[in-house]
N, C-alpha and C. Protein backbone atom coordinates (compact mmCIF):
# COMPACT_ATOMS: atom_id res chain seq x y z
N UNK A 1 10.65 -0.47 2.52
CA UNK A 1 9.37 -0.20 3.11
C UNK A 1 9.51 -0.11 4.61
N UNK A 2 8.88 0.85 5.17
CA UNK A 2 8.93 1.04 6.61
C UNK A 2 7.89 0.13 7.26
N UNK A 3 8.20 -0.39 8.45
CA UNK A 3 7.19 -1.19 9.14
C UNK A 3 6.02 -0.33 9.56
N UNK A 4 4.87 -0.96 9.69
CA UNK A 4 3.68 -0.23 10.09
C UNK A 4 3.82 0.24 11.53
N UNK A 5 3.02 1.20 11.89
CA UNK A 5 2.98 1.66 13.27
C UNK A 5 2.31 0.61 14.11
N UNK A 6 2.83 0.38 15.28
CA UNK A 6 2.18 -0.54 16.21
C UNK A 6 2.12 0.15 17.54
N UNK A 7 0.98 0.43 18.11
CA UNK A 7 -0.33 0.23 17.51
C UNK A 7 -0.61 1.30 16.47
N UNK A 8 -1.64 1.10 15.68
CA UNK A 8 -2.03 2.05 14.66
C UNK A 8 -2.51 3.34 15.30
N UNK A 9 -2.68 4.38 14.47
CA UNK A 9 -3.12 5.66 15.00
C UNK A 9 -4.55 5.57 15.50
N UNK A 10 -4.90 6.48 16.37
CA UNK A 10 -6.28 6.54 16.84
C UNK A 10 -7.16 6.96 15.68
N UNK A 11 -8.15 6.19 15.38
CA UNK A 11 -9.00 6.49 14.23
C UNK A 11 -10.16 7.39 14.58
N UNK A 12 -10.15 7.97 15.78
CA UNK A 12 -11.12 9.01 16.03
C UNK A 12 -10.53 10.37 15.66
N UNK A 13 -9.29 10.35 15.10
CA UNK A 13 -8.64 11.56 14.61
C UNK A 13 -9.39 12.12 13.41
N UNK A 14 -9.24 13.40 13.18
CA UNK A 14 -9.77 14.00 11.96
C UNK A 14 -8.99 13.53 10.75
N UNK A 15 -7.78 12.98 10.95
CA UNK A 15 -6.93 12.49 9.86
C UNK A 15 -7.44 11.22 9.21
N UNK A 16 -8.24 10.44 9.93
CA UNK A 16 -8.65 9.15 9.37
C UNK A 16 -9.27 9.39 8.00
N UNK A 17 -8.83 8.62 7.03
CA UNK A 17 -9.25 8.86 5.65
C UNK A 17 -10.68 8.41 5.40
N UNK A 18 -11.04 7.26 5.90
CA UNK A 18 -12.38 6.74 5.64
C UNK A 18 -13.03 6.29 6.93
N UNK A 19 -14.34 6.25 6.91
CA UNK A 19 -15.09 5.77 8.07
C UNK A 19 -16.33 5.00 7.63
N UNK A 20 -16.36 4.48 6.43
CA UNK A 20 -17.55 3.77 5.98
C UNK A 20 -17.70 2.47 6.74
N UNK A 21 -18.85 2.25 7.32
CA UNK A 21 -19.10 1.01 8.05
C UNK A 21 -19.50 -0.11 7.11
N UNK A 22 -20.13 0.22 6.00
CA UNK A 22 -20.59 -0.80 5.06
C UNK A 22 -19.90 -0.57 3.73
N UNK A 23 -19.17 -1.57 3.30
CA UNK A 23 -18.43 -1.49 2.05
C UNK A 23 -18.86 -2.62 1.14
N UNK A 24 -18.87 -2.38 -0.18
CA UNK A 24 -19.18 -3.48 -1.08
C UNK A 24 -18.11 -4.56 -0.99
N UNK A 25 -18.51 -5.78 -1.12
CA UNK A 25 -17.58 -6.90 -1.08
C UNK A 25 -17.60 -7.58 -2.43
N UNK A 26 -16.42 -7.76 -3.02
CA UNK A 26 -16.29 -8.44 -4.31
C UNK A 26 -15.39 -9.63 -4.08
N UNK A 27 -15.90 -10.83 -4.38
CA UNK A 27 -15.12 -12.06 -4.20
C UNK A 27 -14.49 -12.16 -2.82
N UNK A 28 -15.23 -11.74 -1.79
CA UNK A 28 -14.74 -11.87 -0.43
C UNK A 28 -13.76 -10.79 -0.02
N UNK A 29 -13.40 -9.89 -0.90
CA UNK A 29 -12.45 -8.82 -0.56
C UNK A 29 -13.17 -7.48 -0.60
N UNK A 30 -12.74 -6.58 0.25
CA UNK A 30 -13.32 -5.25 0.27
C UNK A 30 -12.96 -4.51 -1.01
N UNK A 31 -13.94 -3.82 -1.58
CA UNK A 31 -13.69 -2.96 -2.73
C UNK A 31 -13.22 -1.62 -2.18
N UNK A 32 -11.96 -1.27 -2.36
CA UNK A 32 -11.44 -0.07 -1.69
C UNK A 32 -11.94 1.22 -2.31
N UNK A 33 -12.08 2.24 -1.47
CA UNK A 33 -12.22 3.60 -1.98
C UNK A 33 -10.84 3.96 -2.52
N UNK A 34 -10.80 4.63 -3.64
CA UNK A 34 -9.52 5.06 -4.21
C UNK A 34 -9.57 6.58 -4.31
N UNK A 35 -8.62 7.22 -3.63
CA UNK A 35 -8.54 8.67 -3.64
C UNK A 35 -7.19 9.06 -4.25
N UNK A 36 -7.24 9.76 -5.37
CA UNK A 36 -6.01 10.23 -6.01
C UNK A 36 -5.91 11.72 -5.69
N UNK A 37 -5.11 12.03 -4.67
CA UNK A 37 -5.00 13.40 -4.18
C UNK A 37 -3.87 14.18 -4.83
N UNK A 38 -2.99 13.49 -5.54
CA UNK A 38 -1.91 14.13 -6.28
C UNK A 38 -2.08 13.73 -7.74
N UNK A 39 -2.38 14.70 -8.59
CA UNK A 39 -2.74 14.40 -9.99
C UNK A 39 -1.59 13.80 -10.79
N UNK A 40 -0.36 13.90 -10.32
CA UNK A 40 0.77 13.32 -11.05
C UNK A 40 0.67 11.81 -11.16
N UNK A 41 -0.07 11.19 -10.25
CA UNK A 41 -0.27 9.73 -10.32
C UNK A 41 -0.92 9.34 -11.64
N UNK A 42 -1.80 10.19 -12.19
CA UNK A 42 -2.49 9.86 -13.45
C UNK A 42 -1.49 9.69 -14.60
N UNK A 43 -0.42 10.47 -14.60
CA UNK A 43 0.59 10.35 -15.65
C UNK A 43 1.53 9.17 -15.39
N UNK A 44 1.85 8.94 -14.13
CA UNK A 44 2.79 7.87 -13.79
C UNK A 44 2.18 6.50 -14.06
N UNK A 45 0.94 6.31 -13.62
CA UNK A 45 0.24 5.03 -13.80
C UNK A 45 -1.18 5.36 -14.28
N UNK A 46 -1.37 5.50 -15.62
CA UNK A 46 -2.67 5.91 -16.14
C UNK A 46 -3.83 5.00 -15.71
N UNK A 47 -3.56 3.72 -15.53
CA UNK A 47 -4.61 2.78 -15.11
C UNK A 47 -4.45 2.39 -13.64
N UNK A 48 -4.07 3.37 -12.82
CA UNK A 48 -3.79 3.12 -11.40
C UNK A 48 -4.98 2.49 -10.68
N UNK A 49 -6.18 2.96 -10.94
CA UNK A 49 -7.35 2.43 -10.22
C UNK A 49 -7.54 0.94 -10.49
N UNK A 50 -7.32 0.52 -11.72
CA UNK A 50 -7.44 -0.91 -12.05
C UNK A 50 -6.38 -1.72 -11.30
N UNK A 51 -5.14 -1.25 -11.31
CA UNK A 51 -4.07 -1.95 -10.59
C UNK A 51 -4.35 -2.01 -9.09
N UNK A 52 -4.84 -0.92 -8.53
CA UNK A 52 -5.14 -0.88 -7.10
C UNK A 52 -6.23 -1.88 -6.75
N UNK A 53 -7.32 -1.88 -7.51
CA UNK A 53 -8.42 -2.81 -7.22
C UNK A 53 -7.94 -4.27 -7.31
N UNK A 54 -7.22 -4.59 -8.38
CA UNK A 54 -6.74 -5.97 -8.54
C UNK A 54 -5.81 -6.36 -7.40
N UNK A 55 -4.89 -5.49 -7.05
CA UNK A 55 -3.92 -5.80 -5.98
C UNK A 55 -4.61 -5.91 -4.63
N UNK A 56 -5.50 -4.99 -4.33
CA UNK A 56 -6.20 -5.02 -3.04
C UNK A 56 -7.05 -6.28 -2.92
N UNK A 57 -7.78 -6.61 -3.97
CA UNK A 57 -8.62 -7.82 -3.93
C UNK A 57 -7.77 -9.07 -3.77
N UNK A 58 -6.67 -9.15 -4.50
CA UNK A 58 -5.81 -10.34 -4.44
C UNK A 58 -5.20 -10.52 -3.06
N UNK A 59 -4.98 -9.42 -2.34
CA UNK A 59 -4.32 -9.49 -1.03
C UNK A 59 -5.29 -9.47 0.15
N UNK A 60 -6.58 -9.44 -0.12
CA UNK A 60 -7.54 -9.51 0.99
C UNK A 60 -8.28 -8.23 1.29
N UNK A 61 -8.04 -7.17 0.53
CA UNK A 61 -8.85 -5.97 0.66
C UNK A 61 -8.22 -4.85 1.46
N UNK A 62 -8.84 -3.69 1.32
CA UNK A 62 -8.47 -2.48 2.05
C UNK A 62 -9.69 -1.58 2.05
N UNK A 63 -9.77 -0.69 3.00
CA UNK A 63 -10.88 0.26 3.04
C UNK A 63 -10.68 1.39 2.05
N UNK A 64 -9.48 1.94 2.05
CA UNK A 64 -9.15 3.03 1.13
C UNK A 64 -7.70 2.91 0.71
N UNK A 65 -7.45 3.28 -0.53
CA UNK A 65 -6.08 3.44 -1.01
C UNK A 65 -5.99 4.88 -1.48
N UNK A 66 -5.03 5.60 -0.91
CA UNK A 66 -4.86 7.02 -1.18
C UNK A 66 -3.52 7.23 -1.88
N UNK A 67 -3.57 7.88 -3.04
CA UNK A 67 -2.36 8.22 -3.78
C UNK A 67 -2.09 9.70 -3.54
N UNK A 68 -1.01 9.98 -2.83
CA UNK A 68 -0.76 11.35 -2.39
C UNK A 68 0.69 11.73 -2.67
N UNK A 69 1.15 12.78 -2.06
CA UNK A 69 2.50 13.32 -2.26
C UNK A 69 3.41 12.97 -1.10
N UNK A 70 4.71 13.09 -1.33
CA UNK A 70 5.68 12.90 -0.26
C UNK A 70 5.41 13.86 0.90
N UNK A 71 5.05 15.10 0.58
CA UNK A 71 4.84 16.11 1.62
C UNK A 71 3.78 15.66 2.62
N UNK A 72 2.65 15.18 2.13
CA UNK A 72 1.58 14.77 3.05
C UNK A 72 1.90 13.45 3.73
N UNK A 73 2.55 12.53 3.03
CA UNK A 73 2.92 11.27 3.67
C UNK A 73 3.98 11.53 4.75
N UNK A 74 4.89 12.45 4.49
CA UNK A 74 5.89 12.82 5.50
C UNK A 74 5.20 13.35 6.76
N UNK A 75 4.20 14.20 6.60
CA UNK A 75 3.48 14.75 7.75
C UNK A 75 2.77 13.64 8.54
N UNK A 76 2.14 12.71 7.83
CA UNK A 76 1.47 11.59 8.51
C UNK A 76 2.49 10.69 9.21
N UNK A 77 3.61 10.44 8.55
CA UNK A 77 4.65 9.59 9.12
C UNK A 77 5.21 10.23 10.39
N UNK A 78 5.41 11.55 10.37
CA UNK A 78 5.92 12.25 11.56
C UNK A 78 4.89 12.22 12.68
N UNK A 79 3.65 12.46 12.35
CA UNK A 79 2.60 12.53 13.38
C UNK A 79 2.33 11.18 14.02
N UNK A 80 2.24 10.13 13.21
CA UNK A 80 1.80 8.83 13.72
C UNK A 80 2.93 7.87 14.04
N UNK A 81 4.13 8.11 13.50
CA UNK A 81 5.22 7.17 13.71
C UNK A 81 6.48 7.84 14.25
N UNK A 82 6.44 9.17 14.38
CA UNK A 82 7.60 9.88 14.89
C UNK A 82 8.78 9.92 13.95
N UNK A 83 8.54 9.70 12.66
CA UNK A 83 9.61 9.71 11.65
C UNK A 83 9.34 10.85 10.68
N UNK A 84 10.15 11.87 10.75
CA UNK A 84 9.93 13.08 9.97
C UNK A 84 10.55 12.95 8.58
N UNK A 85 10.05 11.97 7.83
CA UNK A 85 10.51 11.75 6.46
C UNK A 85 9.40 11.01 5.72
N UNK A 86 9.39 11.16 4.39
CA UNK A 86 8.39 10.39 3.64
C UNK A 86 8.78 8.92 3.60
N UNK A 87 7.83 8.09 3.30
CA UNK A 87 8.05 6.67 3.08
C UNK A 87 7.17 6.27 1.91
N UNK A 88 7.43 5.13 1.30
CA UNK A 88 6.66 4.77 0.11
C UNK A 88 5.21 4.45 0.44
N UNK A 89 4.97 3.75 1.55
CA UNK A 89 3.60 3.34 1.88
C UNK A 89 3.41 3.37 3.39
N UNK A 90 2.25 3.87 3.80
CA UNK A 90 1.82 3.82 5.19
C UNK A 90 0.50 3.05 5.24
N UNK A 91 0.31 2.29 6.30
CA UNK A 91 -0.97 1.63 6.50
C UNK A 91 -1.53 2.05 7.85
N UNK A 92 -2.84 2.22 7.88
CA UNK A 92 -3.55 2.57 9.10
C UNK A 92 -4.67 1.56 9.30
N UNK A 93 -4.59 0.85 10.41
CA UNK A 93 -5.58 -0.17 10.70
C UNK A 93 -6.92 0.48 11.02
N UNK A 94 -8.02 -0.21 10.73
CA UNK A 94 -9.34 0.36 11.04
C UNK A 94 -9.60 0.27 12.54
N UNK A 95 -10.58 1.03 13.01
CA UNK A 95 -10.97 0.88 14.41
C UNK A 95 -11.52 -0.52 14.64
N UNK A 96 -11.46 -1.00 15.88
CA UNK A 96 -11.98 -2.35 16.17
C UNK A 96 -13.42 -2.50 15.68
N UNK A 97 -13.68 -3.64 15.05
CA UNK A 97 -15.02 -3.93 14.56
C UNK A 97 -15.34 -3.41 13.18
N UNK A 98 -14.41 -2.68 12.58
CA UNK A 98 -14.63 -2.14 11.24
C UNK A 98 -13.72 -2.87 10.25
N UNK A 99 -14.21 -3.09 9.04
CA UNK A 99 -13.38 -3.74 8.02
C UNK A 99 -12.44 -2.74 7.37
N UNK A 100 -11.50 -3.25 6.65
CA UNK A 100 -10.68 -2.41 5.79
C UNK A 100 -9.42 -1.89 6.42
N UNK A 101 -9.28 -0.61 6.41
CA UNK A 101 -8.07 0.07 6.81
C UNK A 101 -7.57 0.88 5.62
N UNK A 102 -6.62 1.75 5.85
CA UNK A 102 -6.17 2.67 4.82
C UNK A 102 -4.73 2.40 4.41
N UNK A 103 -4.47 2.54 3.13
CA UNK A 103 -3.14 2.42 2.56
C UNK A 103 -2.86 3.74 1.86
N UNK A 104 -1.74 4.38 2.20
CA UNK A 104 -1.42 5.68 1.63
C UNK A 104 -0.04 5.60 1.00
N UNK A 105 0.06 6.05 -0.27
CA UNK A 105 1.32 5.98 -1.00
C UNK A 105 1.81 7.38 -1.36
N UNK A 106 3.14 7.55 -1.33
CA UNK A 106 3.79 8.84 -1.59
C UNK A 106 4.33 8.87 -3.02
N UNK A 107 3.85 9.82 -3.81
CA UNK A 107 4.17 9.88 -5.23
C UNK A 107 5.67 9.89 -5.51
N UNK A 108 6.39 10.89 -4.99
CA UNK A 108 7.79 11.04 -5.35
C UNK A 108 8.61 9.82 -4.94
N UNK A 109 8.36 9.31 -3.76
CA UNK A 109 9.12 8.15 -3.28
C UNK A 109 8.85 6.93 -4.15
N UNK A 110 7.58 6.67 -4.46
CA UNK A 110 7.24 5.51 -5.28
C UNK A 110 7.82 5.67 -6.69
N UNK A 111 7.67 6.85 -7.27
CA UNK A 111 8.22 7.11 -8.61
C UNK A 111 9.74 6.92 -8.62
N UNK A 112 10.42 7.51 -7.64
CA UNK A 112 11.88 7.44 -7.61
C UNK A 112 12.38 6.01 -7.39
N UNK A 113 11.69 5.24 -6.55
CA UNK A 113 12.07 3.84 -6.35
C UNK A 113 11.92 3.05 -7.64
N UNK A 114 10.81 3.25 -8.33
CA UNK A 114 10.58 2.52 -9.58
C UNK A 114 11.65 2.89 -10.62
N UNK A 115 11.95 4.17 -10.75
CA UNK A 115 12.96 4.60 -11.71
C UNK A 115 14.34 4.05 -11.35
N UNK A 116 14.70 4.12 -10.08
CA UNK A 116 16.02 3.65 -9.64
C UNK A 116 16.21 2.16 -9.87
N UNK A 117 15.14 1.39 -9.72
CA UNK A 117 15.23 -0.07 -9.87
C UNK A 117 14.91 -0.53 -11.29
N UNK A 118 14.41 0.39 -12.13
CA UNK A 118 14.02 0.00 -13.48
C UNK A 118 12.72 -0.78 -13.52
N UNK A 119 11.86 -0.56 -12.53
CA UNK A 119 10.58 -1.28 -12.45
C UNK A 119 9.49 -0.48 -13.14
N UNK A 120 8.52 -1.17 -13.68
CA UNK A 120 7.33 -0.50 -14.20
C UNK A 120 6.60 0.14 -13.02
N UNK A 121 6.25 1.42 -13.11
CA UNK A 121 5.55 2.06 -12.00
C UNK A 121 4.25 1.34 -11.61
N UNK A 122 3.52 0.80 -12.59
CA UNK A 122 2.28 0.08 -12.27
C UNK A 122 2.58 -1.16 -11.42
N UNK A 123 3.67 -1.85 -11.72
CA UNK A 123 4.04 -3.03 -10.95
C UNK A 123 4.45 -2.65 -9.53
N UNK A 124 5.19 -1.56 -9.41
CA UNK A 124 5.61 -1.11 -8.07
C UNK A 124 4.38 -0.68 -7.26
N UNK A 125 3.46 0.03 -7.90
CA UNK A 125 2.21 0.41 -7.23
C UNK A 125 1.47 -0.83 -6.74
N UNK A 126 1.31 -1.83 -7.61
CA UNK A 126 0.62 -3.07 -7.21
C UNK A 126 1.33 -3.73 -6.04
N UNK A 127 2.66 -3.78 -6.09
CA UNK A 127 3.42 -4.39 -5.00
C UNK A 127 3.16 -3.67 -3.68
N UNK A 128 3.17 -2.35 -3.69
CA UNK A 128 2.98 -1.60 -2.44
C UNK A 128 1.55 -1.71 -1.92
N UNK A 129 0.57 -1.82 -2.81
CA UNK A 129 -0.81 -2.04 -2.36
C UNK A 129 -0.92 -3.42 -1.73
N UNK A 130 -0.33 -4.43 -2.35
CA UNK A 130 -0.32 -5.78 -1.76
C UNK A 130 0.37 -5.74 -0.40
N UNK A 131 1.51 -5.08 -0.34
CA UNK A 131 2.27 -4.97 0.91
C UNK A 131 1.40 -4.34 2.01
N UNK A 132 0.76 -3.23 1.67
CA UNK A 132 -0.10 -2.56 2.65
C UNK A 132 -1.28 -3.41 3.07
N UNK A 133 -1.91 -4.09 2.11
CA UNK A 133 -3.06 -4.94 2.43
C UNK A 133 -2.64 -6.09 3.35
N UNK A 134 -1.45 -6.64 3.13
CA UNK A 134 -0.97 -7.71 4.01
C UNK A 134 -0.74 -7.17 5.43
N UNK A 135 -0.24 -5.96 5.54
CA UNK A 135 -0.12 -5.34 6.87
C UNK A 135 -1.49 -5.24 7.53
N UNK A 136 -2.49 -4.85 6.77
CA UNK A 136 -3.84 -4.71 7.33
C UNK A 136 -4.40 -6.06 7.78
N UNK A 137 -3.92 -7.15 7.18
CA UNK A 137 -4.32 -8.50 7.60
C UNK A 137 -3.51 -8.99 8.78
N UNK A 138 -2.51 -8.23 9.21
CA UNK A 138 -1.73 -8.61 10.37
C UNK A 138 -0.31 -9.05 10.08
N UNK A 139 0.08 -9.14 8.81
CA UNK A 139 1.46 -9.51 8.49
C UNK A 139 2.40 -8.36 8.86
N UNK A 140 3.63 -8.71 9.18
CA UNK A 140 4.62 -7.69 9.49
C UNK A 140 6.00 -8.17 9.08
N UNK A 141 7.01 -7.31 9.21
CA UNK A 141 8.36 -7.66 8.78
C UNK A 141 9.41 -7.09 9.72
N UNK A 142 9.09 -7.04 11.01
CA UNK A 142 10.06 -6.55 11.99
C UNK A 142 11.20 -7.55 12.18
N UNK A 143 10.88 -8.83 12.17
CA UNK A 143 11.88 -9.88 12.37
C UNK A 143 12.21 -10.55 11.04
N UNK A 144 13.39 -11.14 10.94
CA UNK A 144 13.83 -11.76 9.68
C UNK A 144 12.84 -12.82 9.19
N UNK A 145 12.37 -13.68 10.07
CA UNK A 145 11.42 -14.72 9.67
C UNK A 145 10.11 -14.14 9.17
N UNK A 146 9.63 -13.10 9.86
CA UNK A 146 8.40 -12.42 9.43
C UNK A 146 8.61 -11.79 8.05
N UNK A 147 9.74 -11.15 7.88
CA UNK A 147 10.02 -10.48 6.61
C UNK A 147 10.04 -11.49 5.46
N UNK A 148 10.69 -12.62 5.66
CA UNK A 148 10.77 -13.64 4.60
C UNK A 148 9.38 -14.18 4.27
N UNK A 149 8.58 -14.48 5.30
CA UNK A 149 7.21 -14.98 5.05
C UNK A 149 6.37 -13.94 4.31
N UNK A 150 6.51 -12.68 4.71
CA UNK A 150 5.73 -11.63 4.05
C UNK A 150 6.18 -11.47 2.59
N UNK A 151 7.48 -11.51 2.35
CA UNK A 151 7.98 -11.42 0.97
C UNK A 151 7.44 -12.57 0.13
N UNK A 152 7.41 -13.77 0.69
CA UNK A 152 6.90 -14.93 -0.05
C UNK A 152 5.41 -14.75 -0.37
N UNK A 153 4.63 -14.26 0.58
CA UNK A 153 3.20 -14.00 0.32
C UNK A 153 3.04 -12.95 -0.77
N UNK A 154 3.81 -11.87 -0.66
CA UNK A 154 3.75 -10.83 -1.68
C UNK A 154 4.07 -11.40 -3.06
N UNK A 155 5.12 -12.18 -3.14
CA UNK A 155 5.55 -12.76 -4.41
C UNK A 155 4.46 -13.63 -5.02
N UNK A 156 3.83 -14.47 -4.20
CA UNK A 156 2.75 -15.34 -4.71
C UNK A 156 1.57 -14.53 -5.23
N UNK A 157 1.17 -13.51 -4.48
CA UNK A 157 0.05 -12.67 -4.89
C UNK A 157 0.41 -11.91 -6.17
N UNK A 158 1.60 -11.33 -6.21
CA UNK A 158 2.01 -10.58 -7.39
C UNK A 158 2.10 -11.47 -8.62
N UNK A 159 2.54 -12.70 -8.45
CA UNK A 159 2.60 -13.65 -9.56
C UNK A 159 1.21 -13.84 -10.16
N UNK A 160 0.19 -13.97 -9.31
CA UNK A 160 -1.19 -14.12 -9.80
C UNK A 160 -1.65 -12.89 -10.58
N UNK A 161 -1.06 -11.74 -10.27
CA UNK A 161 -1.41 -10.50 -10.97
C UNK A 161 -0.56 -10.26 -12.22
N UNK A 162 0.40 -11.16 -12.46
CA UNK A 162 1.29 -10.99 -13.61
C UNK A 162 2.42 -10.00 -13.35
N UNK A 163 2.72 -9.76 -12.08
CA UNK A 163 3.79 -8.84 -11.70
C UNK A 163 5.02 -9.66 -11.30
N UNK A 164 6.18 -9.37 -11.91
CA UNK A 164 7.39 -10.12 -11.57
C UNK A 164 7.78 -9.95 -10.10
N UNK A 165 8.56 -10.90 -9.61
CA UNK A 165 9.02 -10.91 -8.23
C UNK A 165 9.92 -9.70 -7.96
N UNK A 166 9.50 -8.77 -7.09
CA UNK A 166 10.32 -7.59 -6.82
C UNK A 166 11.53 -7.90 -5.94
N UNK A 167 11.57 -9.08 -5.33
CA UNK A 167 12.66 -9.43 -4.43
C UNK A 167 13.81 -10.12 -5.16
N UNK A 168 13.59 -10.52 -6.39
CA UNK A 168 14.63 -11.19 -7.16
C UNK A 168 15.60 -10.14 -7.69
N UNK A 169 16.87 -10.42 -7.59
CA UNK A 169 17.87 -9.49 -8.11
C UNK A 169 18.05 -9.75 -9.60
N UNK A 170 18.72 -8.83 -10.25
CA UNK A 170 19.01 -9.02 -11.67
C UNK A 170 18.00 -8.37 -12.58
N UNK A 171 17.12 -7.53 -12.05
CA UNK A 171 16.24 -6.75 -12.91
C UNK A 171 15.07 -7.50 -13.49
N UNK A 172 14.57 -8.53 -12.81
CA UNK A 172 13.48 -9.32 -13.37
C UNK A 172 12.18 -8.53 -13.49
N UNK A 173 12.09 -7.38 -12.84
CA UNK A 173 10.85 -6.63 -12.93
C UNK A 173 10.96 -5.44 -13.88
N UNK A 174 11.98 -5.43 -14.67
CA UNK A 174 12.12 -4.35 -15.65
C UNK A 174 11.05 -4.50 -16.73
N UNK A 175 10.64 -3.34 -17.32
CA UNK A 175 9.60 -3.39 -18.36
C UNK A 175 10.02 -4.17 -19.59
């Protein structure tokens, strides 16, 4: 996973995915907008919306979760982070005073990672939504100590969702 952009992109851009000032709150977490812009996600994770909602709520919420393609994530990554390549997940912090923030996932990268590791795609999706939501809460992984703390938070949240620890070696997250 690539570290988030610091600082986040200017949200007065036309690129900003969402701008809702008032969002429903469920159990203290934002109920995210879910946009599936690449239809292949429906085949990869048929119950993606349920996994996204559960993961976002468990990790503290998000404004929007967007399921898109490598092509569009690559363009966003190049524009906002100067990296002309796709990445599995990007997060965009909300403008000051607004809740939420956006989490964007790249289909081919997420699918290929899950296949290469033998992970259930739904579990990998949940992990990346949790990862993105933690970034939106201010967690990061630039330094070794930060990375370890973030991994531990992710593992605890994923355990509550019934998702095996993705950081454990030996294939514990295989279907």
